[in-house]
Structure formats: C-alpha cells, structure tokens
C-alpha cells in the first residue's frame, strides 16, 4: 500500500510535472499523455480552461479521444512554460485507487508575447492498469 502511494507521488513529481512543463528545447509531446492518462472512454477531466478554447464547451469532458485534442491543442500557441512548482501533494489509497490532491504554480509564455500565471489545484484519481498507474479522473481549478 505504501509503495503505491510512493509510486504515484513519484509520477506526479516527475512525469506529470514534465508533461505540463515545456521549454523551447523540450517541446510539448502529445503522446506523452498516454503514459499518464487512462486512454479509454472512462477518462473524465473537469477543467475550466476548456472554455478558453470554446466558451460553449462543457468544462466536464469524458473519453480520452475527446479530451486529447482539448489538452494538446493549446500547446501550439505556447512557446514555453507550464508547471514550475508542485507545492503540495496529499495522497490517499481508496479501494484499489489513489486519490491525489495537488497544488501547483507556473507560468505560460505564449508565442504572441502574452504571459499567463497559473495557480492550480487538481484532484486526481489514479487507477492501476497493467502494473502501472494512470489518471482516470482529474478535476482542475
């Protein structure tokens, strides 16, 4: 049980951090999402930033194939940035899943010169799948 918590904490602090933090030398790689997110119709993400793409878009989306372009599309407009620090992680094992509560800060530098500061909280549910852990639910605020 304790090993599972340590594994997920490591995934958040390394792979998740690196996925959402890109430099000019290390651009966003969309396929890296499949290493962290459940690639099925069961994936659910709630993110208010979805409405920055389309104001009529529901902030709750379901299914990897539907969510994938919503999460990857904006990166074509971003020069660098993303998560700069993960300030806290709280983990709890619940019936074969792990609940993660994360607080993170960062900055996005857009190609048009705009800068957007991030102060995010995320609640995630991680599910064990084929001997590794994947996010099956994420609520970002």
N, C-alpha and C. Protein backbone atom coordinates (compact mmCIF):
# COMPACT_ATOMS: atom_id res chain seq x y z
N UNK A 1 0.82 -1.18 0.00
CA UNK A 1 0.00 0.00 0.00
C UNK A 1 0.87 1.26 0.00
N UNK A 2 1.85 1.30 0.89
CA UNK A 2 2.74 2.45 0.98
C UNK A 2 3.55 2.63 -0.30
N UNK A 3 3.95 1.51 -0.93
CA UNK A 3 4.68 1.58 -2.20
C UNK A 3 3.83 2.22 -3.29
N UNK A 4 2.52 1.92 -3.32
CA UNK A 4 1.64 2.52 -4.32
C UNK A 4 1.59 4.04 -4.16
N UNK A 5 1.51 4.51 -2.93
CA UNK A 5 1.48 5.95 -2.69
C UNK A 5 2.79 6.60 -3.13
N UNK A 6 3.90 5.94 -2.82
CA UNK A 6 5.21 6.48 -3.23
C UNK A 6 5.33 6.49 -4.75
N UNK A 7 4.82 5.47 -5.41
CA UNK A 7 4.87 5.40 -6.87
C UNK A 7 4.09 6.54 -7.50
N UNK A 8 2.87 6.77 -7.02
CA UNK A 8 2.04 7.84 -7.57
C UNK A 8 2.66 9.21 -7.25
N UNK A 9 3.17 9.39 -6.05
CA UNK A 9 3.83 10.66 -5.74
C UNK A 9 5.00 10.90 -6.69
N UNK A 10 5.78 9.87 -6.96
CA UNK A 10 6.89 10.00 -7.90
C UNK A 10 6.38 10.36 -9.30
N UNK A 11 5.30 9.72 -9.74
CA UNK A 11 4.73 10.02 -11.06
C UNK A 11 4.27 11.48 -11.15
N UNK A 12 3.65 11.98 -10.08
CA UNK A 12 3.20 13.37 -10.08
C UNK A 12 4.40 14.31 -10.13
N UNK A 13 5.40 14.05 -9.29
CA UNK A 13 6.54 14.96 -9.19
C UNK A 13 7.48 14.88 -10.40
N UNK A 14 7.43 13.81 -11.16
CA UNK A 14 8.34 13.69 -12.31
C UNK A 14 7.55 13.72 -13.63
N UNK A 15 6.88 12.64 -13.96
CA UNK A 15 6.23 12.53 -15.28
C UNK A 15 5.13 13.57 -15.49
N UNK A 16 4.24 13.75 -14.49
CA UNK A 16 3.16 14.73 -14.61
C UNK A 16 3.76 16.14 -14.71
N UNK A 17 4.71 16.45 -13.83
CA UNK A 17 5.39 17.74 -13.86
C UNK A 17 6.02 17.99 -15.22
N UNK A 18 6.75 17.01 -15.73
CA UNK A 18 7.44 17.17 -17.01
C UNK A 18 6.47 17.28 -18.19
N UNK A 19 5.35 16.56 -18.13
CA UNK A 19 4.36 16.64 -19.22
C UNK A 19 3.85 18.06 -19.37
N UNK A 20 3.58 18.73 -18.26
CA UNK A 20 2.96 20.06 -18.30
C UNK A 20 3.96 21.18 -18.06
N UNK A 21 5.23 20.95 -18.35
CA UNK A 21 6.27 21.97 -18.20
C UNK A 21 7.24 21.82 -19.34
N UNK A 22 7.16 22.73 -20.31
CA UNK A 22 7.97 22.60 -21.51
C UNK A 22 8.84 23.83 -21.74
N UNK A 23 9.98 23.59 -22.36
CA UNK A 23 10.91 24.66 -22.72
C UNK A 23 11.02 24.69 -24.25
N UNK A 24 11.71 25.70 -24.76
CA UNK A 24 11.93 25.76 -26.21
C UNK A 24 12.71 24.54 -26.68
N UNK A 25 13.62 24.07 -25.82
CA UNK A 25 14.45 22.93 -26.19
C UNK A 25 13.72 21.60 -26.01
N UNK A 26 12.68 21.59 -25.19
CA UNK A 26 11.93 20.37 -24.90
C UNK A 26 10.44 20.65 -25.11
N UNK A 27 9.98 20.60 -26.37
CA UNK A 27 8.60 20.96 -26.68
C UNK A 27 7.59 19.95 -26.13
N UNK A 28 6.34 20.38 -26.10
CA UNK A 28 5.26 19.53 -25.64
C UNK A 28 5.13 18.32 -26.57
N UNK A 29 5.06 17.13 -25.99
CA UNK A 29 4.91 15.89 -26.76
C UNK A 29 3.56 15.28 -26.39
N UNK A 30 2.61 15.42 -27.29
CA UNK A 30 1.24 14.99 -27.01
C UNK A 30 1.15 13.52 -26.62
N UNK A 31 1.93 12.68 -27.25
CA UNK A 31 1.84 11.25 -26.98
C UNK A 31 2.27 10.88 -25.56
N UNK A 32 2.97 11.79 -24.89
CA UNK A 32 3.35 11.54 -23.50
C UNK A 32 2.12 11.46 -22.59
N UNK A 33 1.00 12.01 -23.04
CA UNK A 33 -0.23 11.94 -22.24
C UNK A 33 -0.66 10.49 -22.00
N UNK A 34 -0.42 9.63 -22.98
CA UNK A 34 -0.85 8.24 -22.86
C UNK A 34 -0.05 7.49 -21.79
N UNK A 35 1.06 8.04 -21.37
CA UNK A 35 1.84 7.43 -20.30
C UNK A 35 1.24 7.72 -18.93
N UNK A 36 0.38 8.77 -18.84
CA UNK A 36 -0.16 9.19 -17.56
C UNK A 36 -1.68 9.12 -17.46
N UNK A 37 -2.37 9.22 -18.58
CA UNK A 37 -3.83 9.26 -18.56
C UNK A 37 -4.41 7.98 -19.13
N UNK A 38 -5.49 7.52 -18.54
CA UNK A 38 -6.19 6.33 -19.00
C UNK A 38 -6.73 6.58 -20.40
N UNK A 39 -6.23 5.84 -21.37
CA UNK A 39 -6.61 6.03 -22.77
C UNK A 39 -7.86 5.22 -23.10
N UNK A 40 -8.99 5.63 -22.49
CA UNK A 40 -10.25 4.93 -22.74
C UNK A 40 -11.40 5.92 -22.61
N UNK A 41 -12.59 5.42 -22.88
CA UNK A 41 -13.79 6.24 -22.74
C UNK A 41 -14.11 6.55 -21.28
N UNK A 42 -13.44 5.89 -20.34
CA UNK A 42 -13.71 6.09 -18.91
C UNK A 42 -12.99 7.30 -18.33
N UNK A 43 -12.04 7.87 -19.06
CA UNK A 43 -11.31 9.04 -18.56
C UNK A 43 -12.27 10.23 -18.46
N UNK A 44 -12.24 10.93 -17.30
CA UNK A 44 -13.04 12.14 -17.09
C UNK A 44 -12.11 13.25 -16.62
N UNK A 45 -12.23 14.41 -17.26
CA UNK A 45 -11.48 15.58 -16.83
C UNK A 45 -12.42 16.77 -16.76
N UNK A 46 -12.35 17.48 -15.64
CA UNK A 46 -13.09 18.72 -15.45
C UNK A 46 -12.04 19.82 -15.38
N UNK A 47 -12.12 20.78 -16.30
CA UNK A 47 -11.10 21.83 -16.37
C UNK A 47 -11.75 23.10 -16.92
N UNK A 48 -11.77 24.18 -16.13
CA UNK A 48 -12.37 25.42 -16.63
C UNK A 48 -11.65 25.99 -17.85
N UNK A 49 -10.40 25.61 -18.07
CA UNK A 49 -9.66 26.10 -19.23
C UNK A 49 -10.23 25.58 -20.55
N UNK A 50 -11.03 24.52 -20.51
CA UNK A 50 -11.67 24.05 -21.74
C UNK A 50 -12.50 25.17 -22.36
N UNK A 51 -13.10 26.02 -21.53
CA UNK A 51 -13.93 27.10 -22.06
C UNK A 51 -13.10 28.24 -22.64
N UNK A 52 -11.79 28.26 -22.40
CA UNK A 52 -10.97 29.26 -23.07
C UNK A 52 -10.80 28.89 -24.55
N UNK A 53 -11.02 27.62 -24.88
CA UNK A 53 -10.96 27.18 -26.27
C UNK A 53 -12.29 27.44 -26.98
N UNK A 54 -13.38 27.28 -26.24
CA UNK A 54 -14.73 27.46 -26.78
C UNK A 54 -15.65 27.74 -25.60
N UNK A 55 -16.20 28.96 -25.53
CA UNK A 55 -16.99 29.36 -24.36
C UNK A 55 -18.23 28.49 -24.16
N UNK A 56 -18.68 27.81 -25.20
CA UNK A 56 -19.86 26.94 -25.08
C UNK A 56 -19.50 25.50 -24.71
N UNK A 57 -18.21 25.23 -24.60
CA UNK A 57 -17.76 23.88 -24.29
C UNK A 57 -17.99 23.56 -22.82
N UNK A 58 -18.47 22.38 -22.54
CA UNK A 58 -18.68 21.93 -21.17
C UNK A 58 -17.32 21.76 -20.49
N UNK A 59 -17.20 22.20 -19.24
CA UNK A 59 -15.93 22.04 -18.53
C UNK A 59 -15.67 20.59 -18.13
N UNK A 60 -16.70 19.74 -18.19
CA UNK A 60 -16.54 18.31 -17.89
C UNK A 60 -16.54 17.55 -19.21
N UNK A 61 -15.45 16.85 -19.45
CA UNK A 61 -15.32 16.07 -20.68
C UNK A 61 -15.01 14.62 -20.33
N UNK A 62 -15.49 13.72 -21.18
CA UNK A 62 -15.31 12.29 -20.93
C UNK A 62 -14.79 11.62 -22.18
N UNK A 63 -13.81 10.72 -21.98
CA UNK A 63 -13.25 9.94 -23.08
C UNK A 63 -11.93 10.50 -23.58
N UNK A 64 -10.93 9.66 -23.60
CA UNK A 64 -9.59 10.09 -23.98
C UNK A 64 -9.57 10.73 -25.37
N UNK A 65 -10.25 10.12 -26.33
CA UNK A 65 -10.22 10.64 -27.70
C UNK A 65 -10.84 12.04 -27.81
N UNK A 66 -11.80 12.34 -26.96
CA UNK A 66 -12.42 13.67 -26.95
C UNK A 66 -11.55 14.67 -26.19
N UNK A 67 -10.94 14.22 -25.10
CA UNK A 67 -10.15 15.09 -24.24
C UNK A 67 -8.77 15.40 -24.83
N UNK A 68 -8.18 14.44 -25.48
CA UNK A 68 -6.81 14.57 -26.01
C UNK A 68 -6.61 15.88 -26.79
N UNK A 69 -7.44 16.21 -27.79
CA UNK A 69 -7.19 17.46 -28.52
C UNK A 69 -7.43 18.72 -27.68
N UNK A 70 -8.29 18.62 -26.67
CA UNK A 70 -8.54 19.78 -25.81
C UNK A 70 -7.32 20.11 -24.94
N UNK A 71 -6.60 19.07 -24.52
CA UNK A 71 -5.42 19.28 -23.69
C UNK A 71 -4.17 19.58 -24.51
N UNK A 72 -4.10 19.04 -25.71
CA UNK A 72 -2.87 19.20 -26.51
C UNK A 72 -2.93 20.41 -27.44
N UNK A 73 -4.10 20.79 -27.91
CA UNK A 73 -4.24 21.88 -28.88
C UNK A 73 -3.60 23.19 -28.48
N UNK A 74 -3.85 23.67 -27.26
CA UNK A 74 -3.30 24.97 -26.89
C UNK A 74 -1.78 25.06 -26.91
N UNK A 75 -1.09 23.92 -26.83
CA UNK A 75 0.38 23.95 -26.76
C UNK A 75 1.01 24.46 -28.04
N UNK A 76 0.27 24.48 -29.15
CA UNK A 76 0.85 25.04 -30.38
C UNK A 76 1.01 26.55 -30.27
N UNK A 77 0.30 27.19 -29.33
CA UNK A 77 0.39 28.63 -29.13
C UNK A 77 1.34 29.01 -27.99
N UNK A 78 1.88 28.03 -27.29
CA UNK A 78 2.73 28.27 -26.13
C UNK A 78 4.19 28.08 -26.51
N UNK A 79 4.99 29.07 -26.22
CA UNK A 79 6.42 28.99 -26.50
C UNK A 79 7.14 28.17 -25.44
N UNK A 80 6.79 28.44 -24.18
CA UNK A 80 7.42 27.70 -23.08
C UNK A 80 6.60 27.90 -21.82
N UNK A 81 6.93 27.10 -20.81
CA UNK A 81 6.30 27.27 -19.51
C UNK A 81 5.47 26.08 -19.11
N UNK A 82 4.61 26.33 -18.13
CA UNK A 82 3.77 25.29 -17.57
C UNK A 82 3.96 25.26 -16.07
N UNK A 83 3.87 24.09 -15.50
CA UNK A 83 4.04 23.94 -14.05
C UNK A 83 5.50 24.22 -13.70
N UNK A 84 5.69 25.12 -12.75
CA UNK A 84 7.04 25.43 -12.27
C UNK A 84 7.31 24.82 -10.90
N UNK A 85 6.23 24.63 -10.14
CA UNK A 85 6.40 24.02 -8.82
C UNK A 85 5.14 23.27 -8.43
N UNK A 86 5.34 22.15 -7.77
CA UNK A 86 4.25 21.43 -7.14
C UNK A 86 4.44 21.67 -5.65
N UNK A 87 3.55 22.49 -5.10
CA UNK A 87 3.72 22.96 -3.72
C UNK A 87 3.25 21.95 -2.69
N UNK A 88 2.25 21.15 -3.04
CA UNK A 88 1.82 20.13 -2.09
C UNK A 88 1.15 18.98 -2.83
N UNK A 89 1.30 17.81 -2.25
CA UNK A 89 0.63 16.61 -2.74
C UNK A 89 0.11 15.86 -1.52
N UNK A 90 -1.17 15.56 -1.52
CA UNK A 90 -1.75 14.70 -0.49
C UNK A 90 -2.30 13.47 -1.20
N UNK A 91 -1.96 12.30 -0.70
CA UNK A 91 -2.37 11.05 -1.32
C UNK A 91 -3.10 10.17 -0.33
N UNK A 92 -4.09 9.45 -0.85
CA UNK A 92 -4.84 8.52 -0.02
C UNK A 92 -5.26 7.35 -0.89
N UNK A 93 -5.03 6.14 -0.39
CA UNK A 93 -5.45 4.95 -1.13
C UNK A 93 -6.89 4.63 -0.78
N UNK A 94 -7.70 4.42 -1.81
CA UNK A 94 -9.13 4.14 -1.64
C UNK A 94 -9.53 2.97 -2.53
N UNK A 95 -9.68 1.81 -1.94
CA UNK A 95 -10.18 0.65 -2.67
C UNK A 95 -9.52 0.37 -4.00
N UNK A 96 -8.23 0.31 -4.03
CA UNK A 96 -7.52 -0.01 -5.27
C UNK A 96 -7.23 1.20 -6.15
N UNK A 97 -7.68 2.37 -5.76
CA UNK A 97 -7.38 3.62 -6.46
C UNK A 97 -6.61 4.52 -5.51
N UNK A 98 -5.97 5.53 -6.06
CA UNK A 98 -5.29 6.51 -5.23
C UNK A 98 -5.85 7.89 -5.55
N UNK A 99 -6.28 8.58 -4.50
CA UNK A 99 -6.77 9.94 -4.61
C UNK A 99 -5.59 10.87 -4.36
N UNK A 100 -5.36 11.78 -5.30
CA UNK A 100 -4.27 12.75 -5.18
C UNK A 100 -4.84 14.15 -5.20
N UNK A 101 -4.41 14.96 -4.27
CA UNK A 101 -4.77 16.37 -4.21
C UNK A 101 -3.48 17.16 -4.39
N UNK A 102 -3.44 18.01 -5.40
CA UNK A 102 -2.19 18.67 -5.81
C UNK A 102 -2.40 20.18 -5.86
N UNK A 103 -1.42 20.93 -5.42
CA UNK A 103 -1.38 22.37 -5.61
C UNK A 103 -0.11 22.69 -6.40
N UNK A 104 -0.28 23.44 -7.49
CA UNK A 104 0.85 23.74 -8.36
C UNK A 104 0.78 25.19 -8.83
N UNK A 105 1.95 25.72 -9.15
CA UNK A 105 2.05 27.07 -9.70
C UNK A 105 2.92 27.02 -10.96
N UNK A 106 2.70 27.99 -11.83
CA UNK A 106 3.50 28.03 -13.03
C UNK A 106 3.22 29.26 -13.86
N UNK A 107 3.83 29.30 -15.02
CA UNK A 107 3.69 30.41 -15.96
C UNK A 107 3.71 29.86 -17.38
N UNK A 108 2.82 30.39 -18.21
CA UNK A 108 2.82 30.05 -19.63
C UNK A 108 3.27 31.27 -20.42
N UNK A 109 4.23 31.09 -21.30
CA UNK A 109 4.72 32.15 -22.18
C UNK A 109 4.21 31.83 -23.59
N UNK A 110 3.28 32.64 -24.06
CA UNK A 110 2.68 32.40 -25.37
C UNK A 110 3.54 33.00 -26.48
N UNK A 111 3.42 32.44 -27.66
CA UNK A 111 4.21 32.89 -28.81
C UNK A 111 3.90 34.33 -29.19
N UNK A 112 2.68 34.81 -28.85
CA UNK A 112 2.32 36.19 -29.17
C UNK A 112 2.80 37.19 -28.12
N UNK A 113 3.55 36.70 -27.10
CA UNK A 113 4.11 37.58 -26.08
C UNK A 113 3.30 37.63 -24.79
N UNK A 114 2.08 37.14 -24.81
CA UNK A 114 1.27 37.12 -23.60
C UNK A 114 1.85 36.14 -22.58
N UNK A 115 1.64 36.46 -21.32
CA UNK A 115 2.09 35.60 -20.22
C UNK A 115 0.87 35.32 -19.34
N UNK A 116 0.71 34.07 -18.96
CA UNK A 116 -0.41 33.66 -18.11
C UNK A 116 0.16 32.92 -16.89
N UNK A 117 -0.17 33.44 -15.70
CA UNK A 117 0.30 32.82 -14.46
C UNK A 117 -0.70 31.77 -14.00
N UNK A 118 -0.20 30.64 -13.57
CA UNK A 118 -1.03 29.53 -13.13
C UNK A 118 -0.95 29.37 -11.62
N UNK A 119 -2.08 29.19 -11.01
CA UNK A 119 -2.17 28.83 -9.60
C UNK A 119 -3.27 27.77 -9.56
N UNK A 120 -2.89 26.51 -9.67
CA UNK A 120 -3.84 25.43 -9.89
C UNK A 120 -3.92 24.47 -8.73
N UNK A 121 -5.12 23.97 -8.57
CA UNK A 121 -5.37 22.85 -7.66
C UNK A 121 -5.97 21.75 -8.51
N UNK A 122 -5.56 20.54 -8.26
CA UNK A 122 -6.10 19.41 -9.01
C UNK A 122 -6.39 18.27 -8.06
N UNK A 123 -7.52 17.64 -8.29
CA UNK A 123 -7.86 16.40 -7.61
C UNK A 123 -7.85 15.32 -8.67
N UNK A 124 -7.11 14.27 -8.42
CA UNK A 124 -6.97 13.19 -9.39
C UNK A 124 -7.29 11.86 -8.74
N UNK A 125 -7.82 10.96 -9.55
CA UNK A 125 -7.94 9.57 -9.14
C UNK A 125 -7.06 8.76 -10.08
N UNK A 126 -6.13 8.03 -9.49
CA UNK A 126 -5.21 7.18 -10.23
C UNK A 126 -5.68 5.74 -10.11
N UNK A 127 -5.58 5.01 -11.21
CA UNK A 127 -6.02 3.62 -11.28
C UNK A 127 -4.85 2.76 -11.74
N UNK A 128 -4.68 1.62 -11.09
CA UNK A 128 -3.64 0.69 -11.50
C UNK A 128 -4.10 -0.03 -12.76
N UNK A 129 -3.25 -0.03 -13.78
CA UNK A 129 -3.58 -0.66 -15.05
C UNK A 129 -2.33 -1.31 -15.63
N UNK A 130 -2.37 -2.61 -15.78
CA UNK A 130 -1.22 -3.35 -16.33
C UNK A 130 0.08 -3.01 -15.61
N UNK A 131 0.06 -3.06 -14.30
CA UNK A 131 1.24 -2.83 -13.47
C UNK A 131 1.79 -1.41 -13.49
N UNK A 132 1.01 -0.44 -13.94
CA UNK A 132 1.41 0.95 -13.77
C UNK A 132 0.17 1.78 -13.47
N UNK A 133 0.38 2.99 -12.97
CA UNK A 133 -0.70 3.85 -12.51
C UNK A 133 -1.02 4.90 -13.56
N UNK A 134 -2.33 5.14 -13.77
CA UNK A 134 -2.80 6.11 -14.75
C UNK A 134 -3.89 6.98 -14.12
N UNK A 135 -3.97 8.22 -14.56
CA UNK A 135 -5.03 9.13 -14.11
C UNK A 135 -6.31 8.73 -14.85
N UNK A 136 -7.36 8.44 -14.09
CA UNK A 136 -8.65 8.12 -14.72
C UNK A 136 -9.66 9.24 -14.49
N UNK A 137 -9.35 10.15 -13.56
CA UNK A 137 -10.22 11.29 -13.27
C UNK A 137 -9.35 12.44 -12.81
N UNK A 138 -9.66 13.63 -13.31
CA UNK A 138 -8.91 14.82 -12.90
C UNK A 138 -9.86 16.02 -12.90
N UNK A 139 -9.84 16.76 -11.80
CA UNK A 139 -10.62 17.99 -11.68
C UNK A 139 -9.65 19.11 -11.36
N UNK A 140 -9.52 20.05 -12.29
CA UNK A 140 -8.57 21.14 -12.14
C UNK A 140 -9.35 22.42 -11.86
N UNK A 141 -8.85 23.20 -10.92
CA UNK A 141 -9.47 24.51 -10.65
C UNK A 141 -8.38 25.52 -10.36
